[in-house]
Amino acid sequence: MDNALVTDNLEMRLQALEHRIYGDRRNKGVGGKPLKCAESLARIQAGLSNTANKRERVKILHKKIEDLVKYLDPQFTDHITVSDAMKLEFILAEEDFLLSQAALLEQVSNLQPLLDSTYIRDVPEHTTKLQRLSQIHIKQQDQNEAQSQEVKKLFEEYNKMMFLLSKQFTQWDETLRKMEEAKGIRPLD
């Protein structure tokens, strides 16, 4: 079924391509037959192959295609224009960088056994424990915040009570002093 769907899809795409190429001339093919793009391309391919086989220069060109592709490669011009001495100078100019990178790679290879240790391999097992502990920690942080708010509230009430008591004692002291002065009792210092 899937193969039939692919074939139908390919057929529709080929018909759309033929319509784009031939347009309204589609039904005006040779002998009144509808023109088919694939048939036309096959005829053109056969004609080119016959021509290529008959002409010696085309045969030689086909043999040289690999060389042509190599010459068309943008890196080929770099290969021609940059001499080996220049390449050596490029490498020597980057010697410090290359040595530092080599040292870092060696350090990584020396640390490779640590990555293969049982501790690293056991990480997936510990993630569930860590998640559970993280949830407990978050819950405790929330409880801590609530306790902090409660303690702050109690301190505010305590300070308020102390202020009111201090104010009351000051008023009583003032009243007592006035009474003592009125009776002529001298306060002890």
Protein backbone atom coordinates (compact mmCIF):
# COMPACT_ATOMS: atom_id res chain seq x y z
CA MET A 1 0.00 0.00 0.00
CA ASP A 2 2.79 2.39 0.93
CA ASN A 3 4.63 1.50 -2.27
CA ALA A 4 1.52 2.31 -4.32
CA LEU A 5 1.24 5.66 -2.55
CA VAL A 6 4.85 6.47 -3.40
CA THR A 7 4.27 5.48 -7.02
CA ASP A 8 1.13 7.62 -7.25
CA ASN A 9 2.97 10.56 -5.70
CA LEU A 10 5.84 10.15 -8.17
CA GLU A 11 3.37 9.93 -11.09
CA MET A 12 1.65 13.16 -9.97
CA ARG A 13 4.99 14.95 -9.69
CA LEU A 14 6.01 13.74 -13.16
CA GLN A 15 2.70 14.96 -14.65
CA ALA A 16 3.19 18.36 -12.99
CA LEU A 17 6.72 18.52 -14.44
CA GLU A 18 5.46 17.59 -17.92
CA HIS A 19 2.77 20.25 -17.68
CA ARG A 20 5.40 22.84 -16.75
CA ILE A 21 7.66 21.82 -19.62
CA TYR A 22 5.10 21.33 -22.38
CA GLY A 23 2.26 23.50 -21.16
CA ASP A 24 -0.68 23.43 -23.59
CA ARG A 25 1.33 21.55 -26.27
CA ARG A 26 1.09 18.40 -24.21
CA ASN A 27 -1.44 16.70 -26.45
CA LYS A 28 0.31 17.70 -29.69
CA GLY A 29 2.99 15.04 -29.65
CA VAL A 30 4.24 12.88 -32.53
CA GLY A 31 1.39 10.99 -34.19
CA GLY A 32 -1.21 12.58 -31.90
CA LYS A 33 0.13 10.76 -28.83
CA PRO A 34 0.56 12.75 -25.63
CA LEU A 35 4.15 13.73 -24.96
CA LYS A 36 5.84 12.15 -21.96
CA CYS A 37 8.73 13.91 -20.27
CA ALA A 38 10.46 10.68 -19.28
CA GLU A 39 10.29 9.36 -22.84
CA SER A 40 11.72 12.60 -24.19
CA LEU A 41 14.54 12.54 -21.67
CA ALA A 42 15.31 8.91 -22.53
CA ARG A 43 15.47 9.78 -26.27
CA ILE A 44 17.75 12.74 -25.54
CA GLN A 45 20.00 10.54 -23.34
CA ALA A 46 20.21 7.90 -26.07
CA GLY A 47 21.06 10.54 -28.68
CA LEU A 48 23.79 12.05 -26.49
CA SER A 49 25.25 8.61 -25.78
CA ASN A 50 25.33 7.76 -29.52
CA THR A 51 26.96 11.09 -30.29
CA ALA A 52 29.48 10.67 -27.48
CA ASN A 53 30.40 7.18 -28.65
CA LYS A 54 30.89 8.29 -32.25
CA ARG A 55 33.08 11.29 -31.50
CA GLU A 56 36.57 10.69 -30.19
CA ARG A 57 36.89 14.10 -28.56
CA VAL A 58 33.77 13.51 -26.42
CA LYS A 59 35.16 10.14 -25.30
CA ILE A 60 38.37 11.85 -24.19
CA LEU A 61 36.34 14.52 -22.38
CA HIS A 62 34.41 11.87 -20.47
CA LYS A 63 37.71 10.33 -19.38
CA LYS A 64 38.96 13.72 -18.19
CA ILE A 65 35.86 14.58 -16.11
CA GLU A 66 37.57 13.54 -12.87
CA ASP A 67 40.44 15.92 -13.61
CA LEU A 68 37.98 18.69 -14.44
CA VAL A 69 36.12 18.18 -11.17
CA LYS A 70 39.43 18.32 -9.32
CA TYR A 71 40.39 21.56 -11.09
CA LEU A 72 37.00 23.12 -10.33
CA ASP A 73 37.38 22.43 -6.60
CA PRO A 74 38.09 25.74 -4.77
CA GLN A 75 40.68 24.03 -2.57
CA PHE A 76 42.68 23.06 -5.65
CA THR A 77 43.79 26.66 -6.16
CA ASP A 78 45.01 26.75 -2.56
CA HIS A 79 46.92 23.54 -3.22
CA ILE A 80 48.60 25.07 -6.27
CA THR A 81 49.29 28.53 -4.85
CA VAL A 82 50.43 27.58 -1.32
CA SER A 83 53.85 25.96 -1.31
CA ASP A 84 55.01 23.40 1.22
CA ALA A 85 57.32 25.98 2.80
CA MET A 86 54.38 28.32 3.29
CA LYS A 87 52.32 25.53 4.83
CA LEU A 88 55.22 24.79 7.17
CA GLU A 89 55.30 28.46 8.20
CA PHE A 90 51.56 28.38 8.90
CA ILE A 91 52.07 25.37 11.14
CA LEU A 92 55.04 26.95 12.92
CA ALA A 93 53.09 30.17 13.46
CA GLU A 94 50.38 28.18 15.22
CA GLU A 95 52.87 26.01 17.11
CA ASP A 96 52.00 27.40 20.56
CA PHE A 97 48.29 26.97 19.96
CA LEU A 98 48.76 23.43 18.65
CA LEU A 99 50.94 22.50 21.62
CA SER A 100 48.39 23.88 24.08
CA GLN A 101 45.62 21.97 22.33
CA ALA A 102 47.75 18.80 22.41
CA ALA A 103 48.33 19.29 26.15
CA LEU A 104 44.60 19.74 26.72
CA LEU A 105 43.83 16.60 24.71
CA GLU A 106 46.40 14.67 26.70
CA GLN A 107 44.84 15.95 29.92
CA VAL A 108 41.41 14.81 28.70
CA SER A 109 42.77 11.37 27.84
CA ASN A 110 44.40 11.15 31.29
CA LEU A 111 41.08 12.03 32.92
CA GLN A 112 39.16 9.50 30.82
CA PRO A 113 39.32 6.80 33.55
CA LEU A 114 37.48 9.18 35.88
CA LEU A 115 34.63 9.39 33.41
CA ASP A 116 34.49 5.61 33.26
CA SER A 117 34.36 5.26 37.05
CA THR A 118 31.49 3.62 38.90
CA TYR A 119 30.56 6.97 40.42
CA ILE A 120 29.77 8.43 37.01
CA ARG A 121 28.00 5.26 35.88
CA ASP A 122 25.83 5.32 39.03
CA VAL A 123 24.59 8.87 38.38
CA PRO A 124 21.22 7.75 36.94
CA GLU A 125 20.51 5.80 40.12
CA HIS A 126 21.30 8.81 42.25
CA THR A 127 19.16 11.24 40.27
CA THR A 128 15.95 9.86 41.76
CA LYS A 129 17.37 10.22 45.26
CA LEU A 130 18.57 13.71 44.42
CA GLN A 131 15.14 14.68 43.12
CA ARG A 132 13.49 13.39 46.29
CA LEU A 133 16.00 15.28 48.43
CA SER A 134 15.48 18.41 46.35
CA GLN A 135 11.74 18.20 46.98
CA ILE A 136 12.36 17.77 50.72
CA HIS A 137 14.77 20.72 50.65
CA ILE A 138 12.21 22.93 48.90
CA LYS A 139 9.56 21.90 51.44
CA GLN A 140 11.93 22.70 54.31
CA GLN A 141 12.76 26.07 52.76
CA ASP A 142 9.05 26.87 52.66
CA GLN A 143 8.68 25.78 56.30
CA ASN A 144 11.73 27.85 57.23
CA GLU A 145 10.22 30.90 55.55
CA ALA A 146 6.95 30.39 57.44
CA GLN A 147 8.85 30.00 60.74
CA SER A 148 10.89 33.13 60.00
CA GLN A 149 7.70 35.09 59.41
CA GLU A 150 6.21 33.77 62.66
CA VAL A 151 9.37 34.66 64.65
CA LYS A 152 9.44 38.12 63.08
CA LYS A 153 5.80 38.63 64.05
CA LEU A 154 6.52 37.51 67.63
CA PHE A 155 9.52 39.88 67.88
CA GLU A 156 7.39 42.75 66.63
CA GLU A 157 4.73 41.98 69.25
CA TYR A 158 7.43 41.67 71.95
CA ASN A 159 8.98 45.01 70.98
CA LYS A 160 5.56 46.63 70.93
CA MET A 161 4.76 45.20 74.38
CA MET A 162 8.14 46.35 75.76
CA PHE A 163 7.59 49.83 74.34
CA LEU A 164 4.11 50.03 75.91
CA LEU A 165 5.41 48.72 79.27
CA SER A 166 8.29 51.20 79.19
CA LYS A 167 5.86 54.00 78.41
CA GLN A 168 3.54 52.87 81.21
CA PHE A 169 6.41 52.71 83.74
CA THR A 170 7.54 56.18 82.65
CA GLN A 171 4.01 57.52 83.20
CA TRP A 172 3.78 55.83 86.62
CA ASP A 173 7.17 57.21 87.56
CA GLU A 174 6.05 60.70 86.54
CA THR A 175 2.80 60.37 88.47
CA LEU A 176 4.63 59.04 91.54
CA ARG A 177 7.12 61.89 91.44
CA LYS A 178 4.32 64.46 91.26
CA MET A 179 2.57 62.85 94.23
CA GLU A 180 5.78 62.81 96.25
CA GLU A 181 6.42 66.47 95.49
CA ALA A 182 2.88 67.32 96.45
CA LYS A 183 3.32 65.60 99.85
CA GLY A 184 6.77 66.98 100.27
CA ILE A 185 8.53 63.65 100.23
CA ARG A 186 11.93 63.90 98.80
CA PRO A 187 12.83 61.04 96.35
CA LEU A 188 15.98 59.05 96.98
CA ASP A 189 18.57 59.38 94.25
